[in-house]
Amino acid sequence: MPFTSLHLQPIKPSLPQWNSLATDDMCAWSSEIFDAHVRSAVRAILNEDSFRHDARELLAEQQAQRSEMKALRHEWKRRCKELEEQLNALTGATESMRLDVEELRLQTVGPPTPPPPPAKISPVAPTSTLLPQHTLMPPSSGVDPPLPVRVATLADAVPEVWEDRLVKRVQQLIADSEERWLQRVQGEIVQPVLEHVRRLMSAHQSMIETVVESRCAQFETYVDRGRHGWEVQVAELRSRVSSLRGDMHRALKDLCQNLNMACPGL
């Protein structure tokens, strides 16, 4: 409030408008009232306690926000580390399963099973046919040959091509089973876990960005509000100083006129 709008009060130290006083009332002014008026104006100019208090509050709020953001960053790092540990454990389980499948495949591969022996085997082949040396023939008599002779005859009768085909077939079955199980593990375990981890990371990133943007917006709003308040206070202080300057000029001018009228020789 400018000083020109004040009225003279005997108790308060504030002064009324200088040009509203008569010439005869100038003698009623005392040095105490004038000193109080000047001191109140200087106190209003030098009053920086509110500014310092606002600056301390702003600094404390900034430090609190920094500590909160640091704690939030540590928390998200801990959660990401837990997710990485789970993913590593899942990768280890998948590798162990693959090794188990490989071990099972190696255990499954073995010597081929010979075909079932016929009822009776004749060790002697007729001369009328052009068959190999160990050709299976119907029994020529009711007496069976010894067991070692039968086993040797069966082993010689099984072609090597059958063994190769059997080994290839077993290897193909094991490879198909291993590929099928690996695809199943990849499709049912690894891919869903990776997609879930990606979704979690995306959600966490978006949440962090939202929190940071909201905190930045709040801080900008607080700074703008404080700056507006400081601008209002500075404008009010400038108006008070200009009003005080005008009042002082008018008072000195009136004093000079009164002195010239009272003592023209001065």
Protein backbone atom coordinates (compact mmCIF):
# COMPACT_ATOMS: atom_id res chain seq x y z
CA MET A 1 0.00 0.00 0.00
CA PRO A 2 1.59 3.39 -0.93
CA PHE A 3 2.28 5.93 1.77
CA THR A 4 0.12 8.61 0.08
CA SER A 5 -3.04 6.74 1.08
CA LEU A 6 -2.26 6.75 4.80
CA HIS A 7 -3.72 9.18 7.34
CA LEU A 8 -2.13 10.60 10.42
CA GLN A 9 -2.58 8.43 13.50
CA PRO A 10 -1.16 9.28 16.91
CA ILE A 11 -0.29 5.68 17.84
CA LYS A 12 0.99 4.10 14.61
CA PRO A 13 4.30 5.35 13.21
CA SER A 14 2.99 5.54 9.65
CA LEU A 15 2.69 9.03 8.13
CA PRO A 16 -0.16 10.57 6.13
CA GLN A 17 0.15 12.17 2.73
CA TRP A 18 2.49 15.13 2.81
CA ASN A 19 0.53 17.44 0.53
CA SER A 20 -2.67 16.87 2.58
CA LEU A 21 -1.23 18.79 5.56
CA ALA A 22 -1.62 22.47 6.04
CA THR A 23 1.29 24.81 6.42
CA ASP A 24 0.49 25.53 10.04
CA ASP A 25 0.45 21.80 10.89
CA MET A 26 4.05 21.24 9.80
CA CYS A 27 5.22 22.33 13.20
CA ALA A 28 3.17 19.51 14.76
CA TRP A 29 5.45 16.87 13.16
CA SER A 30 8.08 15.53 15.52
CA SER A 31 11.40 13.91 14.77
CA GLU A 32 10.22 10.63 16.36
CA ILE A 33 7.32 10.28 13.92
CA PHE A 34 9.55 11.09 10.97
CA ASP A 35 12.21 8.63 12.16
CA ALA A 36 9.54 5.94 12.59
CA HIS A 37 8.29 6.61 9.08
CA VAL A 38 11.79 6.32 7.60
CA ARG A 39 12.59 3.20 9.65
CA SER A 40 9.40 1.45 8.52
CA ALA A 41 10.26 2.21 4.90
CA VAL A 42 13.84 0.96 5.30
CA ARG A 43 12.57 -2.14 7.13
CA ALA A 44 10.22 -2.88 4.25
CA ILE A 45 13.09 -2.50 1.79
CA LEU A 46 15.55 -4.62 3.72
CA ASN A 47 13.05 -7.29 4.76
CA GLU A 48 14.54 -10.38 3.12
CA ASP A 49 13.54 -12.95 5.70
CA SER A 50 10.66 -14.27 3.61
CA PHE A 51 12.91 -14.64 0.56
CA ARG A 52 15.55 -16.51 2.55
CA HIS A 53 12.88 -18.75 4.09
CA ASP A 54 11.46 -19.57 0.64
CA ALA A 55 14.95 -20.30 -0.65
CA ARG A 56 15.63 -22.68 2.25
CA GLU A 57 12.31 -24.45 1.70
CA LEU A 58 13.04 -24.80 -2.02
CA LEU A 59 16.50 -26.24 -1.32
CA ALA A 60 15.09 -28.73 1.20
CA GLU A 61 12.41 -29.84 -1.26
CA GLN A 62 15.01 -30.31 -4.00
CA GLN A 63 17.15 -32.44 -1.70
CA ALA A 64 14.13 -34.54 -0.71
CA GLN A 65 13.22 -35.07 -4.36
CA ARG A 66 16.80 -36.09 -5.20
CA SER A 67 16.89 -38.62 -2.36
CA GLU A 68 13.49 -39.99 -3.36
CA MET A 69 14.56 -40.39 -7.00
CA LYS A 70 17.77 -42.11 -5.88
CA ALA A 71 15.82 -44.56 -3.72
CA LEU A 72 13.43 -45.21 -6.59
CA ARG A 73 16.34 -45.87 -8.95
CA HIS A 74 17.91 -48.34 -6.48
CA GLU A 75 14.56 -50.13 -6.10
CA TRP A 76 14.13 -50.59 -9.85
CA LYS A 77 17.72 -51.77 -10.19
CA ARG A 78 17.05 -54.39 -7.52
CA ARG A 79 13.92 -55.58 -9.31
CA CYS A 80 15.71 -55.78 -12.66
CA LYS A 81 18.49 -57.77 -11.00
CA GLU A 82 15.93 -60.23 -9.62
CA LEU A 83 14.41 -60.63 -13.08
CA GLU A 84 17.86 -61.25 -14.56
CA GLU A 85 18.54 -63.91 -11.92
CA GLN A 86 15.24 -65.64 -12.73
CA LEU A 87 16.05 -65.51 -16.44
CA ASN A 88 19.51 -66.98 -15.79
CA ALA A 89 17.97 -69.76 -13.71
CA LEU A 90 15.52 -70.52 -16.48
CA THR A 91 18.35 -70.58 -19.03
CA GLY A 92 20.29 -72.98 -16.80
CA ALA A 93 17.24 -75.24 -16.47
CA THR A 94 16.82 -75.25 -20.25
CA GLU A 95 20.49 -76.13 -20.74
CA SER A 96 20.22 -78.91 -18.15
CA MET A 97 17.16 -80.28 -19.92
CA ARG A 98 19.02 -80.22 -23.22
CA LEU A 99 21.92 -82.12 -21.66
CA ASP A 100 19.47 -84.66 -20.21
CA VAL A 101 17.94 -85.15 -23.64
CA GLU A 102 21.40 -85.60 -25.14
CA GLU A 103 22.30 -88.14 -22.47
CA LEU A 104 19.04 -89.98 -23.09
CA ARG A 105 19.79 -90.00 -26.79
CA LEU A 106 23.25 -91.46 -26.17
CA GLN A 107 21.81 -94.10 -23.85
CA THR A 108 19.14 -95.05 -26.37
CA VAL A 109 21.63 -95.73 -29.18
CA GLY A 110 22.84 -99.32 -28.78
CA PRO A 111 23.52 -102.48 -30.71
CA PRO A 112 20.66 -103.50 -33.00
CA THR A 113 18.38 -106.25 -31.82
CA PRO A 114 18.69 -109.37 -34.01
CA PRO A 115 15.51 -110.75 -35.55
CA PRO A 116 13.84 -113.74 -33.85
CA PRO A 117 15.44 -117.06 -34.81
CA PRO A 118 13.44 -119.50 -36.90
CA ALA A 119 12.19 -122.76 -35.47
CA LYS A 120 14.81 -124.97 -37.05
CA ILE A 121 17.95 -124.18 -39.02
CA SER A 122 19.69 -126.62 -41.32
CA PRO A 123 23.48 -126.27 -41.24
CA VAL A 124 23.88 -127.94 -44.62
CA ALA A 125 22.68 -126.26 -47.78
CA PRO A 126 21.63 -128.29 -50.83
CA THR A 127 23.85 -128.22 -53.87
CA SER A 128 20.97 -127.66 -56.25
CA THR A 129 20.58 -123.97 -55.25
CA LEU A 130 22.97 -121.01 -55.65
CA LEU A 131 22.40 -119.46 -52.18
CA PRO A 132 25.10 -118.07 -49.89
CA GLN A 133 26.89 -120.21 -47.41
CA HIS A 134 24.57 -119.38 -44.44
CA THR A 135 21.12 -119.68 -45.96
CA LEU A 136 18.16 -120.55 -43.75
CA MET A 137 16.65 -123.89 -44.74
CA PRO A 138 13.93 -126.07 -43.30
CA PRO A 139 15.14 -128.83 -41.00
CA SER A 140 16.23 -132.01 -42.71
CA SER A 141 15.90 -134.13 -39.61
CA GLY A 142 14.24 -133.97 -36.24
CA VAL A 143 17.51 -133.21 -34.35
CA ASP A 144 18.32 -129.46 -33.61
CA PRO A 145 21.91 -128.23 -34.02
CA PRO A 146 23.85 -127.02 -30.99
CA LEU A 147 23.18 -123.51 -29.62
CA PRO A 148 26.55 -121.93 -30.59
CA VAL A 149 26.06 -123.09 -34.13
CA ARG A 150 22.59 -121.56 -34.24
CA VAL A 151 23.80 -118.22 -32.86
CA ALA A 152 26.67 -118.05 -35.35
CA THR A 153 24.33 -118.92 -38.18
CA LEU A 154 21.86 -116.16 -37.16
CA ALA A 155 24.63 -113.58 -36.83
CA ASP A 156 25.91 -114.46 -40.27
CA ALA A 157 22.42 -114.50 -41.74
CA VAL A 158 21.62 -110.88 -40.66
CA PRO A 159 22.91 -108.57 -43.42
CA GLU A 160 25.00 -105.56 -42.51
CA VAL A 161 22.62 -103.36 -44.46
CA TRP A 162 19.91 -104.06 -41.92
CA GLU A 163 22.20 -102.99 -39.10
CA ASP A 164 23.02 -99.73 -40.88
CA ARG A 165 19.37 -99.04 -41.60
CA LEU A 166 18.43 -99.77 -38.00
CA VAL A 167 21.14 -97.48 -36.64
CA LYS A 168 20.12 -94.68 -39.03
CA ARG A 169 16.47 -95.13 -38.10
CA VAL A 170 17.24 -94.94 -34.37
CA GLN A 171 19.41 -91.86 -34.87
CA GLN A 172 16.70 -90.19 -36.94
CA LEU A 173 14.07 -90.93 -34.30
CA ILE A 174 16.31 -89.56 -31.55
CA ALA A 175 17.11 -86.42 -33.58
CA ASP A 176 13.42 -85.84 -34.33
CA SER A 177 12.50 -86.34 -30.68
CA GLU A 178 15.25 -83.99 -29.52
CA GLU A 179 14.26 -81.32 -32.05
CA ARG A 180 10.61 -81.66 -31.10
CA TRP A 181 11.34 -81.34 -27.38
CA LEU A 182 13.62 -78.37 -27.93
CA GLN A 183 10.94 -76.63 -30.00
CA ARG A 184 8.37 -77.40 -27.33
CA VAL A 185 10.58 -76.00 -24.56
CA GLN A 186 11.35 -72.95 -26.70
CA GLY A 187 7.70 -72.33 -27.50
CA GLU A 188 6.13 -73.16 -24.12
CA ILE A 189 8.72 -71.88 -21.63
CA VAL A 190 11.40 -69.66 -23.08
CA GLN A 191 9.29 -67.50 -25.40
CA PRO A 192 6.50 -66.77 -22.83
CA VAL A 193 9.08 -65.88 -20.19
CA LEU A 194 10.92 -63.57 -22.57
CA GLU A 195 7.67 -61.88 -23.61
CA HIS A 196 6.69 -61.46 -19.97
CA VAL A 197 10.07 -59.94 -19.13
CA ARG A 198 9.78 -57.55 -22.08
CA ARG A 199 6.31 -56.47 -20.98
CA LEU A 200 7.53 -55.94 -17.42
CA MET A 201 10.49 -53.88 -18.57
CA SER A 202 8.27 -51.79 -20.86
CA ALA A 203 5.73 -51.21 -18.07
CA HIS A 204 8.47 -50.29 -15.60
CA GLN A 205 10.07 -47.89 -18.09
CA SER A 206 6.75 -46.19 -18.85
CA MET A 207 5.97 -45.90 -15.13
CA ILE A 208 9.39 -44.37 -14.43
CA GLU A 209 8.91 -41.88 -17.27
CA THR A 210 5.44 -40.97 -15.98
CA VAL A 211 6.72 -40.45 -12.42
CA VAL A 212 9.65 -38.34 -13.61
CA GLU A 213 7.42 -36.21 -15.85
CA SER A 214 4.90 -35.64 -13.05
CA ARG A 215 7.66 -34.68 -10.59
CA CYS A 216 9.20 -32.31 -13.13
CA ALA A 217 5.80 -30.72 -13.81
CA GLN A 218 5.20 -30.27 -10.06
CA PHE A 219 8.62 -28.71 -9.61
CA GLU A 220 8.11 -26.34 -12.56
CA THR A 221 4.71 -25.32 -11.17
CA TYR A 222 6.25 -24.66 -7.76
CA VAL A 223 9.07 -22.61 -9.28
CA ASP A 224 6.65 -20.58 -11.41
CA ARG A 225 4.44 -19.92 -8.41
CA GLY A 226 7.41 -18.82 -6.31
CA ARG A 227 8.73 -16.60 -9.10
CA HIS A 228 5.34 -14.98 -9.51
CA GLY A 229 5.19 -14.30 -5.77
CA TRP A 230 8.67 -12.79 -5.84
CA GLU A 231 7.74 -10.61 -8.80
CA VAL A 232 4.66 -9.36 -6.96
CA GLN A 233 6.74 -8.59 -3.86
CA VAL A 234 9.38 -6.77 -5.92
CA ALA A 235 6.69 -4.72 -7.72
CA GLU A 236 5.09 -3.81 -4.39
CA LEU A 237 8.48 -2.86 -2.95
CA ARG A 238 9.25 -0.68 -5.95
CA SER A 239 5.87 1.05 -5.67
CA ARG A 240 6.53 1.71 -1.98
CA VAL A 241 9.99 3.10 -2.70
CA SER A 242 8.69 5.38 -5.48
CA SER A 243 5.85 6.54 -3.22
CA LEU A 244 8.33 7.24 -0.42
CA ARG A 245 10.57 9.12 -2.84
CA GLY A 246 7.63 11.25 -4.03
CA ASP A 247 6.54 11.93 -0.47
CA MET A 248 10.07 12.97 0.48
CA HIS A 249 10.32 15.32 -2.52
CA ARG A 250 6.97 16.91 -1.73
CA ALA A 251 7.84 17.26 1.95
CA LEU A 252 11.17 18.91 1.17
CA LYS A 253 9.49 21.21 -1.34
CA ASP A 254 6.83 22.26 1.17
CA LEU A 255 9.50 22.76 3.82
CA CYS A 256 11.50 25.01 1.53
CA GLN A 257 8.41 27.05 0.66
CA ASN A 258 7.51 27.44 4.32
CA LEU A 259 11.06 28.47 5.17
CA ASN A 260 11.07 31.03 2.36
CA MET A 261 7.76 32.42 3.56
CA ALA A 262 8.85 32.48 7.21
CA CYS A 263 12.35 33.80 6.64
CA PRO A 264 12.71 35.46 3.27
CA GLY A 265 16.23 36.50 4.05
CA LEU A 266 17.42 32.86 4.34
